[in-house]
Amino acid sequence: PLTLEEVRMLVELFYLPYHHGALAQELLEHFRWLRANSLSVGVPPDACGGARWRGRAQSFQLLCARTCRLHSRLVSTAGRALLYDLHPYLWDIRNLLLAASAFVLWLGCQSIAAPMLLGRDAEPWARRGGLFGELQALLPVGNSCDLFYHPPPLFPSSQLYLLRPLLPLDKVGAVPGRGRRSCSEGLQAQLSRAPALPGRLLGSFLSLSPEYTFVLEDEAGPCGYAAGALHAEGFLQQRDSSWLPALRHKYPPDLGTGGPALGQDALEEAVLFFHAEPLAVPQPVLRRFPSLVQLGTAPRVLDVGASRSLALCLLSALRANGSRGVFCQVSDADRQQLSFYSKLG
């Protein structure tokens, strides 16, 4: 059963609409302070202020992790009647804290210039009350109320997730029995139904815009990603002029005729992808939506809340540095991706 401490946490999270318990108040105070003082870990960093900022960021991360574990514990142990009464609220908080935690980690990456944290106050009716509404208001995309509403799953899952920015250690990692391989290959192997050459999914973002790449993990490892480019026009020009030619040289067209180790179909598909001429993005699109995004999850991720958290943290990072809108490129024949983006709204 739930412990007394866990029950106390539940009460503090949902104490009163405008009067929070100690845990909720601590979460809000940490998040407000971290957002207001993010310049201390910008470029150039403030050594003294940066150390204090990182200490509070660590405390915030621990509180977020405790709340995510509480959601998992409630699903695993609570009686069905109590679970279905409380789950929608705790599921919402869990998803928002996944995004907020990843956003704070992103703020702490010293390779990123200090964000501007743009945003204006939304109309009062655009946000819900309680802890959820106050946390929502602190994210740079907090005034986009349609991003935050989604009905909870019919069948609650106790799966624990971790959402974080791409880390330097991800670039090259050791894989038991297979030596070292790049993050793009490792993520692709777990996210794609037909693993192909490294870089097929994320290569251009990892090479040209790694600071806007986020990774979703469950207990089995990486299970989702969100990648973006703040200035899509420059990103696409660089991709077409330097990144794609390098990949075409590395993987010539005739490579697809002799690769049984990777799977013939997957290898041919990857080679065709690298050698196909990318479609140009119309200028009106680039003017209205200056940033490019790409998201994906493994088939085992059935909780749309985790996917929505991925989108929220990526959009918050882009918005914090001044983006006015985003677009994604999807083939009209890719039913899986079209369904994925449709479910996200």
Protein backbone atom coordinates (compact mmCIF):
# COMPACT_ATOMS: atom_id res chain seq x y z
CA PRO A 1 0.00 0.00 0.00
CA LEU A 2 0.90 3.68 -0.22
CA THR A 3 3.01 4.87 2.69
CA LEU A 4 1.98 7.69 5.01
CA GLU A 5 4.66 9.91 3.41
CA GLU A 6 3.24 9.25 -0.07
CA VAL A 7 -0.29 10.07 1.08
CA ARG A 8 1.04 13.30 2.59
CA MET A 9 2.67 14.15 -0.76
CA LEU A 10 -0.66 13.63 -2.54
CA VAL A 11 -2.44 15.95 -0.11
CA GLU A 12 0.26 18.63 -0.46
CA LEU A 13 0.11 18.50 -4.26
CA PHE A 14 -3.66 19.04 -4.33
CA TYR A 15 -4.25 20.96 -1.11
CA LEU A 16 -6.50 23.83 -2.29
CA PRO A 17 -6.78 25.55 -5.71
CA TYR A 18 -4.88 28.67 -4.57
CA HIS A 19 -3.26 27.43 -1.37
CA HIS A 20 -0.61 24.77 -1.85
CA GLY A 21 0.92 22.25 0.50
CA ALA A 22 4.63 22.33 1.40
CA LEU A 23 5.79 20.06 -1.47
CA ALA A 24 3.89 21.99 -4.15
CA GLN A 25 5.04 25.33 -2.74
CA GLU A 26 8.66 24.15 -2.79
CA LEU A 27 8.34 23.01 -6.42
CA LEU A 28 6.95 26.40 -7.45
CA GLU A 29 9.52 28.42 -5.50
CA HIS A 30 12.43 26.45 -7.00
CA PHE A 31 11.07 26.75 -10.55
CA ARG A 32 10.38 30.49 -10.24
CA TRP A 33 13.86 31.15 -8.85
CA LEU A 34 15.63 28.96 -11.43
CA ARG A 35 13.84 30.67 -14.28
CA ALA A 36 14.47 34.18 -12.92
CA ASN A 37 18.17 33.51 -12.28
CA SER A 38 19.02 31.47 -15.37
CA LEU A 39 21.43 34.20 -16.54
CA SER A 40 23.90 33.05 -13.89
CA VAL A 41 24.57 29.88 -15.91
CA GLY A 42 24.57 31.61 -19.29
CA VAL A 43 27.54 32.59 -21.41
CA PRO A 44 29.79 33.77 -19.78
CA PRO A 45 28.82 31.94 -16.56
CA ASP A 46 28.85 33.49 -13.10
CA ALA A 47 30.92 31.08 -10.95
CA CYS A 48 29.37 31.90 -7.58
CA GLY A 49 25.81 32.39 -8.83
CA GLY A 50 26.15 29.36 -11.11
CA ALA A 51 27.04 27.05 -8.21
CA ARG A 52 24.00 28.26 -6.26
CA TRP A 53 21.78 27.88 -9.33
CA ARG A 54 22.96 24.30 -9.91
CA GLY A 55 22.34 23.41 -6.28
CA ARG A 56 18.73 24.58 -6.48
CA ALA A 57 18.34 22.90 -9.87
CA GLN A 58 19.40 19.60 -8.30
CA SER A 59 16.84 20.05 -5.50
CA PHE A 60 14.15 20.75 -8.10
CA GLN A 61 15.13 17.63 -10.08
CA LEU A 62 14.84 15.48 -6.94
CA LEU A 63 11.38 16.87 -6.16
CA CYS A 64 10.25 16.19 -9.73
CA ALA A 65 11.59 12.62 -9.53
CA ARG A 66 9.75 12.03 -6.23
CA THR A 67 6.48 13.20 -7.79
CA CYS A 68 6.97 10.97 -10.85
CA ARG A 69 7.62 8.00 -8.55
CA LEU A 70 4.46 8.89 -6.62
CA HIS A 71 2.45 8.64 -9.86
CA SER A 72 3.96 5.22 -10.56
CA ARG A 73 3.26 4.06 -6.98
CA LEU A 74 -0.36 5.25 -7.10
CA VAL A 75 -1.01 3.31 -10.30
CA SER A 76 0.63 0.18 -8.85
CA THR A 77 -0.95 0.13 -5.39
CA ALA A 78 -4.10 2.26 -5.08
CA GLY A 79 -7.56 0.72 -5.20
CA ARG A 80 -9.29 1.10 -8.56
CA ALA A 81 -11.92 3.60 -7.35
CA LEU A 82 -9.32 5.88 -5.73
CA LEU A 83 -6.96 5.50 -8.70
CA TYR A 84 -9.51 6.58 -11.29
CA ASP A 85 -10.53 9.56 -9.16
CA LEU A 86 -6.99 10.86 -8.61
CA HIS A 87 -5.07 9.62 -11.65
CA PRO A 88 -6.07 12.38 -14.14
CA TYR A 89 -4.70 15.07 -11.80
CA LEU A 90 -1.49 13.29 -10.89
CA TRP A 91 -0.92 12.23 -14.53
CA ASP A 92 -1.17 15.89 -15.60
CA ILE A 93 1.31 16.97 -12.92
CA ARG A 94 3.69 14.13 -13.81
CA ASN A 95 3.73 15.12 -17.49
CA LEU A 96 4.25 18.80 -16.74
CA LEU A 97 7.08 18.08 -14.29
CA LEU A 98 8.81 15.84 -16.87
CA ALA A 99 8.88 18.82 -19.24
CA ALA A 100 9.80 21.35 -16.52
CA SER A 101 12.62 19.16 -15.24
CA ALA A 102 14.08 18.74 -18.74
CA PHE A 103 13.74 22.48 -19.37
CA VAL A 104 15.69 23.28 -16.19
CA LEU A 105 18.41 20.80 -17.20
CA TRP A 106 18.53 22.51 -20.60
CA LEU A 107 18.90 25.93 -18.95
CA GLY A 108 21.91 24.56 -17.09
CA CYS A 109 23.78 23.54 -20.27
CA GLN A 110 26.61 26.08 -20.45
CA SER A 111 27.05 25.67 -24.21
CA ILE A 112 23.71 27.43 -24.73
CA ALA A 113 23.43 31.21 -24.65
CA ALA A 114 21.27 32.57 -21.84
CA PRO A 115 17.62 32.36 -22.98
CA MET A 116 15.42 35.42 -23.25
CA LEU A 117 12.42 33.63 -21.74
CA LEU A 118 9.92 35.48 -23.86
CA GLY A 119 6.24 35.24 -23.16
CA ARG A 120 3.24 37.23 -22.10
CA ASP A 121 0.56 36.59 -19.53
CA ALA A 122 -2.33 34.54 -20.84
CA GLU A 123 -5.95 35.42 -20.25
CA PRO A 124 -7.15 34.01 -16.89
CA TRP A 125 -9.53 31.57 -18.61
CA ALA A 126 -6.68 30.06 -20.66
CA ARG A 127 -5.13 28.30 -17.68
CA ARG A 128 -6.42 25.91 -15.09
CA GLY A 129 -6.07 26.62 -11.40
CA GLY A 130 -4.01 24.78 -8.85
CA LEU A 131 -0.40 23.63 -9.07
CA PHE A 132 -0.79 22.57 -12.72
CA GLY A 133 -1.86 26.06 -13.81
CA GLU A 134 0.94 27.80 -11.92
CA LEU A 135 3.61 25.45 -13.31
CA GLN A 136 2.18 25.91 -16.80
CA ALA A 137 2.49 29.69 -16.49
CA LEU A 138 6.22 29.36 -15.74
CA LEU A 139 7.04 27.56 -19.00
CA PRO A 140 7.82 29.84 -21.98
CA VAL A 141 4.92 28.28 -23.90
CA GLY A 142 2.56 28.58 -20.94
CA ASN A 143 0.12 30.86 -22.77
CA SER A 144 -0.56 28.21 -25.45
CA CYS A 145 -3.33 26.48 -23.54
CA ASP A 146 -4.06 23.93 -26.30
CA LEU A 147 -0.63 22.35 -25.71
CA PHE A 148 -1.55 21.40 -22.16
CA TYR A 149 -4.90 19.70 -22.49
CA HIS A 150 -5.16 16.02 -23.30
CA PRO A 151 -7.50 13.39 -21.84
CA PRO A 152 -5.75 10.88 -19.58
CA PRO A 153 -5.28 7.29 -20.80
CA LEU A 154 -8.09 4.82 -20.19
CA PHE A 155 -5.57 2.34 -18.76
CA PRO A 156 -3.08 4.05 -16.40
CA SER A 157 0.54 2.89 -16.67
CA SER A 158 3.07 2.79 -13.84
CA GLN A 159 6.00 3.14 -16.27
CA LEU A 160 8.65 5.59 -15.04
CA TYR A 161 10.13 8.00 -17.59
CA LEU A 162 13.15 10.30 -17.60
CA LEU A 163 13.26 13.28 -19.96
CA ARG A 164 16.51 15.18 -20.47
CA PRO A 165 18.56 17.15 -22.99
CA LEU A 166 21.15 15.39 -25.12
CA LEU A 167 24.37 15.15 -23.11
CA PRO A 168 27.98 15.15 -24.38
CA LEU A 169 28.33 11.56 -23.19
CA ASP A 170 25.51 10.55 -25.54
CA LYS A 171 27.58 11.43 -28.59
CA VAL A 172 29.67 8.27 -28.24
CA GLY A 173 28.67 5.50 -25.88
CA ALA A 174 29.86 1.98 -25.16
CA VAL A 175 27.49 -0.82 -26.14
CA PRO A 176 28.09 -4.26 -24.56
CA GLY A 177 29.39 -6.71 -27.11
CA ARG A 178 29.43 -4.13 -29.91
CA GLY A 179 32.11 -1.63 -28.90
CA ARG A 180 31.38 2.07 -29.29
CA ARG A 181 28.77 3.69 -31.50
CA SER A 182 27.24 7.10 -31.97
CA CYS A 183 24.13 8.34 -30.19
CA SER A 184 22.24 8.56 -33.48
CA GLU A 185 22.85 4.87 -34.11
CA GLY A 186 22.01 3.87 -30.55
CA LEU A 187 18.80 5.91 -30.44
CA GLN A 188 17.78 4.79 -33.90
CA ALA A 189 18.29 1.13 -33.08
CA GLN A 190 15.79 1.46 -30.23
CA LEU A 191 13.35 3.92 -31.80
CA SER A 192 13.07 2.65 -35.35
CA ARG A 193 11.17 -0.44 -36.37
CA ALA A 194 13.78 -1.16 -39.06
CA PRO A 195 17.17 0.05 -37.78
CA ALA A 196 19.34 1.29 -40.64
CA LEU A 197 22.45 3.37 -41.02
CA PRO A 198 23.29 5.78 -38.19
CA GLY A 199 22.01 9.27 -38.82
CA ARG A 200 18.87 8.24 -40.68
CA LEU A 201 16.64 9.73 -37.99
CA LEU A 202 18.69 12.28 -36.11
CA GLY A 203 22.00 12.73 -37.87
CA SER A 204 21.45 16.27 -39.18
CA PHE A 205 20.12 17.53 -35.83
CA LEU A 206 22.94 15.91 -33.84
CA SER A 207 25.53 17.44 -36.16
CA LEU A 208 24.04 20.89 -36.73
CA SER A 209 21.67 21.59 -33.80
CA PRO A 210 22.51 19.31 -30.83
CA GLU A 211 21.55 21.99 -28.28
CA TYR A 212 17.86 21.50 -29.12
CA THR A 213 17.77 17.71 -28.86
CA PHE A 214 15.98 15.91 -26.01
CA VAL A 215 15.90 12.21 -25.10
CA LEU A 216 13.06 10.26 -23.43
CA GLU A 217 14.09 7.16 -21.48
CA ASP A 218 12.20 4.40 -19.73
CA GLU A 219 13.55 1.49 -17.72
CA ALA A 220 14.67 -0.28 -20.92
CA GLY A 221 16.65 2.70 -22.24
CA PRO A 222 16.05 5.44 -24.85
CA CYS A 223 12.47 5.33 -26.15
CA GLY A 224 11.85 8.76 -27.67
CA TYR A 225 13.45 11.93 -28.95
CA ALA A 226 12.61 15.52 -29.82
CA ALA A 227 14.94 17.54 -32.01
CA GLY A 228 14.71 21.07 -33.30
CA ALA A 229 16.51 23.81 -35.19
CA LEU A 230 15.94 27.38 -34.00
CA HIS A 231 16.65 28.96 -37.40
CA ALA A 232 15.30 26.41 -39.86
CA GLU A 233 16.32 28.27 -43.01
CA GLY A 234 20.02 28.32 -42.11
CA PHE A 235 19.81 24.77 -40.76
CA LEU A 236 18.33 23.41 -44.00
CA GLN A 237 20.88 25.26 -46.13
CA GLN A 238 23.74 23.83 -44.06
CA ARG A 239 22.20 20.35 -44.18
CA ASP A 240 21.92 20.43 -47.97
CA SER A 241 25.30 22.06 -48.65
CA SER A 242 27.57 20.18 -46.23
CA TRP A 243 25.92 17.45 -44.18
CA LEU A 244 24.14 15.56 -46.99
CA PRO A 245 27.14 15.63 -49.41
CA ALA A 246 29.36 14.16 -46.67
CA LEU A 247 26.83 11.36 -46.04
CA ARG A 248 26.49 10.66 -49.77
CA HIS A 249 30.25 10.31 -50.05
CA LYS A 250 30.33 7.99 -47.04
CA TYR A 251 27.42 5.85 -48.28
CA PRO A 252 27.58 5.60 -52.10
CA PRO A 253 24.46 4.50 -54.05
CA ASP A 254 25.80 0.99 -54.69
CA LEU A 255 26.21 0.30 -50.96
CA GLY A 256 22.67 -1.06 -50.77
CA THR A 257 23.65 -4.09 -52.85
CA GLY A 258 25.86 -5.73 -50.23
CA GLY A 259 24.76 -5.16 -46.68
CA PRO A 260 23.10 -8.27 -45.24
CA ALA A 261 24.35 -7.44 -41.75
CA LEU A 262 22.04 -4.44 -41.45
CA GLY A 263 19.14 -5.94 -43.35
CA GLN A 264 18.88 -5.42 -47.09
CA ASP A 265 15.63 -3.42 -47.11
CA ALA A 266 16.70 -1.12 -44.27
CA LEU A 267 20.09 -0.45 -45.85
CA GLU A 268 18.60 0.34 -49.25
CA GLU A 269 16.02 2.64 -47.62
CA ALA A 270 18.76 4.55 -45.78
CA VAL A 271 20.93 4.92 -48.89
CA LEU A 272 17.92 6.14 -50.89
CA PHE A 273 17.17 8.65 -48.14
CA PHE A 274 20.66 10.13 -48.24
CA HIS A 275 20.72 10.35 -52.06
CA ALA A 276 17.18 11.68 -52.55
CA GLU A 277 16.94 15.40 -53.20
CA PRO A 278 15.16 17.01 -50.20
CA LEU A 279 12.04 19.03 -50.93
CA ALA A 280 12.39 22.78 -50.56
CA VAL A 281 10.40 24.46 -47.80
CA PRO A 282 8.32 27.40 -49.15
CA GLN A 283 9.49 30.83 -47.98
CA PRO A 284 6.04 31.80 -46.55
CA VAL A 285 6.29 28.78 -44.23
CA LEU A 286 9.79 29.73 -43.08
CA ARG A 287 8.72 33.34 -42.46
CA ARG A 288 5.71 32.38 -40.37
CA PHE A 289 7.22 29.31 -38.67
CA PRO A 290 10.99 29.92 -38.39
CA SER A 291 11.89 26.75 -36.44
CA LEU A 292 11.94 23.09 -37.50
CA VAL A 293 11.01 20.24 -35.13
CA GLN A 294 11.07 16.46 -35.34
CA LEU A 295 9.75 14.04 -32.70
CA GLY A 296 9.41 10.29 -32.42
CA THR A 297 8.87 7.52 -29.88
CA ALA A 298 9.38 3.78 -29.86
CA PRO A 299 6.27 1.60 -30.39
CA ARG A 300 6.40 0.55 -26.73
CA VAL A 301 5.60 4.11 -25.55
CA LEU A 302 1.81 3.93 -25.26
CA ASP A 303 1.41 6.86 -22.83
CA VAL A 304 0.72 9.95 -24.95
CA GLY A 305 1.52 12.07 -21.89
CA ALA A 306 5.22 11.22 -22.20
CA SER A 307 5.16 12.20 -25.90
CA ARG A 308 3.45 15.47 -25.04
CA SER A 309 6.12 16.21 -22.42
CA LEU A 310 8.74 15.74 -25.15
CA ALA A 311 6.99 18.30 -27.32
CA LEU A 312 6.55 20.74 -24.42
CA CYS A 313 10.22 20.80 -23.41
CA LEU A 314 11.42 21.22 -27.02
CA LEU A 315 8.91 24.00 -27.75
CA SER A 316 9.80 25.72 -24.45
CA ALA A 317 13.51 25.69 -25.34
CA LEU A 318 12.84 27.14 -28.81
CA ARG A 319 10.39 29.73 -27.48
CA ALA A 320 12.82 30.77 -24.75
CA ASN A 321 15.33 31.76 -27.42
CA GLY A 322 12.83 33.72 -29.47
CA SER A 323 11.09 31.32 -31.85
CA ARG A 324 7.64 32.51 -33.01
CA GLY A 325 6.45 29.18 -34.45
CA VAL A 326 7.51 25.70 -35.57
CA PHE A 327 6.79 23.29 -38.40
CA CYS A 328 7.67 19.65 -39.08
CA GLN A 329 8.26 17.78 -42.33
CA VAL A 330 6.28 14.56 -42.76
CA SER A 331 5.79 12.41 -45.84
CA ASP A 332 2.10 12.05 -46.72
CA ALA A 333 2.79 8.31 -47.04
CA ASP A 334 4.20 7.97 -43.50
CA ARG A 335 1.05 6.89 -41.69
CA GLN A 336 2.89 6.22 -38.44
CA GLN A 337 4.32 9.75 -38.16
CA LEU A 338 1.08 11.38 -39.27
CA SER A 339 -0.78 9.44 -36.57
CA PHE A 340 1.87 10.35 -33.98
CA TYR A 341 1.66 14.11 -34.65
CA SER A 342 -2.15 13.96 -34.83
CA LYS A 343 -2.30 12.36 -31.37
CA LEU A 344 -0.13 15.19 -30.05
CA GLY A 345 -2.63 17.68 -31.46
